[in-house]
Amino acid sequence: MSKKQIIIFSLIAGAILIACIAGIIITQNTKRDSHVALIYSDNVLIREIELKPDDNYSFEITSPSGGKNVIIVHEGKIGVQSADCPDKICVNTPHVSDEISPIVCMPNKLVIKIK
């Protein structure tokens, strides 16, 4: 190898190393500490919500059959604040922030899953 080839090889290897280090740093800084809630109504995905620790809001979902659920997002968790279903199991289900257990309102055909 000539001296010129060694210099070119060194520059290319250095550029690849710098690119790899930059990629690792960017990947580490963009990792999410939050989860995404998937909201299904009558087996159709109707909304995806990133659960962020600072978010606090609510919104209403009306099922195709007319049933209504008020969903609350609070400090990285999601739950059902109120519902017009007769049993209120969804309202009494603890708010979730992980994949362990979904929230289900069978009468209104609502399912909230975390991914």
C-alpha atoms as a PDB file:
ATOM      1  CA  MET A   1       0.000   0.000   0.000  1.00  0.00           C
ATOM      2  CA  SER A   2       1.227   3.417  -0.839  1.00  0.00           C
ATOM      3  CA  LYS A   3       1.226   6.270   1.629  1.00  0.00           C
ATOM      4  CA  LYS A   4      -1.649   7.924  -0.259  1.00  0.00           C
ATOM      5  CA  GLN A   5      -3.781   4.761  -0.017  1.00  0.00           C
ATOM      6  CA  ILE A   6      -3.099   4.481   3.721  1.00  0.00           C
ATOM      7  CA  ILE A   7      -4.201   8.088   4.272  1.00  0.00           C
ATOM      8  CA  ILE A   8      -7.396   7.586   2.236  1.00  0.00           C
ATOM      9  CA  PHE A   9      -8.155   4.335   4.077  1.00  0.00           C
ATOM     10  CA  SER A  10      -7.580   6.048   7.443  1.00  0.00           C
ATOM     11  CA  LEU A  11      -9.885   8.929   6.510  1.00  0.00           C
ATOM     12  CA  ILE A  12     -12.644   6.541   5.394  1.00  0.00           C
ATOM     13  CA  ALA A  13     -12.301   4.400   8.528  1.00  0.00           C
ATOM     14  CA  GLY A  14     -12.380   7.544  10.699  1.00  0.00           C
ATOM     15  CA  ALA A  15     -15.503   8.836   8.941  1.00  0.00           C
ATOM     16  CA  ILE A  16     -17.245   5.477   9.418  1.00  0.00           C
ATOM     17  CA  LEU A  17     -16.286   5.431  13.101  1.00  0.00           C
ATOM     18  CA  ILE A  18     -17.586   8.976  13.619  1.00  0.00           C
ATOM     19  CA  ALA A  19     -20.845   8.113  11.819  1.00  0.00           C
ATOM     20  CA  CYS A  20     -21.326   5.033  14.009  1.00  0.00           C
ATOM     21  CA  ILE A  21     -20.710   6.992  17.212  1.00  0.00           C
ATOM     22  CA  ALA A  22     -23.097   9.744  16.079  1.00  0.00           C
ATOM     23  CA  GLY A  23     -25.745   7.123  15.280  1.00  0.00           C
ATOM     24  CA  ILE A  24     -25.425   5.577  18.738  1.00  0.00           C
ATOM     25  CA  ILE A  25     -25.691   8.968  20.436  1.00  0.00           C
ATOM     26  CA  ILE A  26     -28.747   9.959  18.387  1.00  0.00           C
ATOM     27  CA  THR A  27     -30.442   6.607  19.037  1.00  0.00           C
ATOM     28  CA  GLN A  28     -29.825   6.857  22.781  1.00  0.00           C
ATOM     29  CA  ASN A  29     -31.202  10.391  22.947  1.00  0.00           C
ATOM     30  CA  THR A  30     -34.380   9.596  21.021  1.00  0.00           C
ATOM     31  CA  LYS A  31     -35.480   6.561  23.040  1.00  0.00           C
ATOM     32  CA  ARG A  32     -38.974   7.094  24.391  1.00  0.00           C
ATOM     33  CA  ASP A  33     -39.821   6.777  28.041  1.00  0.00           C
ATOM     34  CA  SER A  34     -43.470   6.680  27.064  1.00  0.00           C
ATOM     35  CA  HIS A  35     -45.841   4.146  25.588  1.00  0.00           C
ATOM     36  CA  VAL A  36     -48.481   4.391  22.892  1.00  0.00           C
ATOM     37  CA  ALA A  37     -52.141   3.714  23.615  1.00  0.00           C
ATOM     38  CA  LEU A  38     -54.146   2.129  20.817  1.00  0.00           C
ATOM     39  CA  ILE A  39     -57.875   2.804  21.025  1.00  0.00           C
ATOM     40  CA  TYR A  40     -60.225   0.472  19.176  1.00  0.00           C
ATOM     41  CA  SER A  41     -63.945   0.954  18.670  1.00  0.00           C
ATOM     42  CA  ASP A  42     -65.846  -2.034  17.290  1.00  0.00           C
ATOM     43  CA  ASN A  43     -62.493  -3.707  16.410  1.00  0.00           C
ATOM     44  CA  VAL A  44     -61.329  -0.700  14.336  1.00  0.00           C
ATOM     45  CA  LEU A  45     -58.258   1.285  15.404  1.00  0.00           C
ATOM     46  CA  ILE A  46     -59.549   4.838  15.764  1.00  0.00           C
ATOM     47  CA  ARG A  47     -56.750   6.588  17.636  1.00  0.00           C
ATOM     48  CA  GLU A  48     -53.119   6.252  18.715  1.00  0.00           C
ATOM     49  CA  ILE A  49     -51.951   8.347  21.645  1.00  0.00           C
ATOM     50  CA  GLU A  50     -48.418   8.724  22.940  1.00  0.00           C
ATOM     51  CA  LEU A  51     -48.630   8.674  26.725  1.00  0.00           C
ATOM     52  CA  LYS A  52     -46.326  11.435  27.930  1.00  0.00           C
ATOM     53  CA  PRO A  53     -45.730  12.183  31.610  1.00  0.00           C
ATOM     54  CA  ASP A  54     -46.806  15.833  31.256  1.00  0.00           C
ATOM     55  CA  ASP A  55     -50.050  15.264  29.315  1.00  0.00           C
ATOM     56  CA  ASN A  56     -53.393  15.846  31.055  1.00  0.00           C
ATOM     57  CA  TYR A  57     -56.543  15.895  28.910  1.00  0.00           C
ATOM     58  CA  SER A  58     -59.733  14.002  28.166  1.00  0.00           C
ATOM     59  CA  PHE A  59     -61.869  13.327  25.105  1.00  0.00           C
ATOM     60  CA  GLU A  60     -65.054  11.477  24.209  1.00  0.00           C
ATOM     61  CA  ILE A  61     -65.452   8.451  21.980  1.00  0.00           C
ATOM     62  CA  THR A  62     -68.820   7.485  20.570  1.00  0.00           C
ATOM     63  CA  SER A  63     -69.175   3.907  19.341  1.00  0.00           C
ATOM     64  CA  PRO A  64     -71.028   3.054  16.130  1.00  0.00           C
ATOM     65  CA  SER A  65     -73.925   1.823  18.298  1.00  0.00           C
ATOM     66  CA  GLY A  66     -74.087   5.210  20.074  1.00  0.00           C
ATOM     67  CA  GLY A  67     -72.359   4.297  23.359  1.00  0.00           C
ATOM     68  CA  LYS A  68     -70.135   7.004  24.851  1.00  0.00           C
ATOM     69  CA  ASN A  69     -66.907   6.780  26.833  1.00  0.00           C
ATOM     70  CA  VAL A  70     -64.863   9.687  28.158  1.00  0.00           C
ATOM     71  CA  ILE A  71     -61.174   8.802  28.011  1.00  0.00           C
ATOM     72  CA  ILE A  72     -58.669  10.529  30.277  1.00  0.00           C
ATOM     73  CA  VAL A  73     -54.919  10.812  29.712  1.00  0.00           C
ATOM     74  CA  HIS A  74     -53.131  11.808  32.884  1.00  0.00           C
ATOM     75  CA  GLU A  75     -49.406  11.770  33.694  1.00  0.00           C
ATOM     76  CA  GLY A  76     -48.462   8.976  31.300  1.00  0.00           C
ATOM     77  CA  LYS A  77     -51.522   6.802  31.971  1.00  0.00           C
ATOM     78  CA  ILE A  78     -54.839   6.326  30.192  1.00  0.00           C
ATOM     79  CA  GLY A  79     -58.214   5.268  31.504  1.00  0.00           C
ATOM     80  CA  VAL A  80     -61.957   5.610  31.157  1.00  0.00           C
ATOM     81  CA  GLN A  81     -63.289   8.527  33.198  1.00  0.00           C
ATOM     82  CA  SER A  82     -66.979   7.898  32.493  1.00  0.00           C
ATOM     83  CA  ALA A  83     -69.187   5.719  30.329  1.00  0.00           C
ATOM     84  CA  ASP A  84     -72.866   5.332  29.608  1.00  0.00           C
ATOM     85  CA  CYS A  85     -72.654   1.524  29.773  1.00  0.00           C
ATOM     86  CA  PRO A  86     -74.659  -0.239  32.474  1.00  0.00           C
ATOM     87  CA  ASP A  87     -71.872  -2.078  34.314  1.00  0.00           C
ATOM     88  CA  LYS A  88     -69.090   0.603  34.442  1.00  0.00           C
ATOM     89  CA  ILE A  89     -66.347  -2.057  34.553  1.00  0.00           C
ATOM     90  CA  CYS A  90     -64.226   0.101  32.242  1.00  0.00           C
ATOM     91  CA  VAL A  91     -64.589   3.086  34.586  1.00  0.00           C
ATOM     92  CA  ASN A  92     -63.575   0.964  37.586  1.00  0.00           C
ATOM     93  CA  THR A  93     -60.557  -0.491  35.774  1.00  0.00           C
ATOM     94  CA  PRO A  94     -57.323   1.194  36.954  1.00  0.00           C
ATOM     95  CA  HIS A  95     -55.650   3.518  34.486  1.00  0.00           C
ATOM     96  CA  VAL A  96     -52.885   1.807  32.543  1.00  0.00           C
ATOM     97  CA  SER A  97     -49.466   2.694  31.198  1.00  0.00           C
ATOM     98  CA  ASP A  98     -48.095  -0.714  30.201  1.00  0.00           C
ATOM     99  CA  GLU A  99     -48.955  -3.724  28.068  1.00  0.00           C
ATOM    100  CA  ILE A 100     -50.050  -5.985  30.922  1.00  0.00           C
ATOM    101  CA  SER A 101     -53.809  -5.524  30.796  1.00  0.00           C
ATOM    102  CA  PRO A 102     -56.075  -3.693  28.341  1.00  0.00           C
ATOM    103  CA  ILE A 103     -59.114  -1.647  29.302  1.00  0.00           C
ATOM    104  CA  VAL A 104     -62.313  -3.040  27.818  1.00  0.00           C
ATOM    105  CA  CYS A 105     -65.872  -1.723  27.653  1.00  0.00           C
ATOM    106  CA  MET A 106     -67.826  -4.636  26.213  1.00  0.00           C
ATOM    107  CA  PRO A 107     -71.212  -2.865  25.900  1.00  0.00           C
ATOM    108  CA  ASN A 108     -69.665   0.022  23.922  1.00  0.00           C
ATOM    109  CA  LYS A 109     -67.161  -2.229  22.072  1.00  0.00           C
ATOM    110  CA  LEU A 110     -64.186  -0.133  23.245  1.00  0.00           C
ATOM    111  CA  VAL A 111     -60.696  -1.541  23.824  1.00  0.00           C
ATOM    112  CA  ILE A 112     -57.601   0.385  24.935  1.00  0.00           C
ATOM    113  CA  LYS A 113     -54.271  -1.425  24.541  1.00  0.00           C
ATOM    114  CA  ILE A 114     -50.749  -0.204  25.250  1.00  0.00           C
ATOM    115  CA  LYS A 115     -47.784  -0.988  23.023  1.00  0.00           C
END
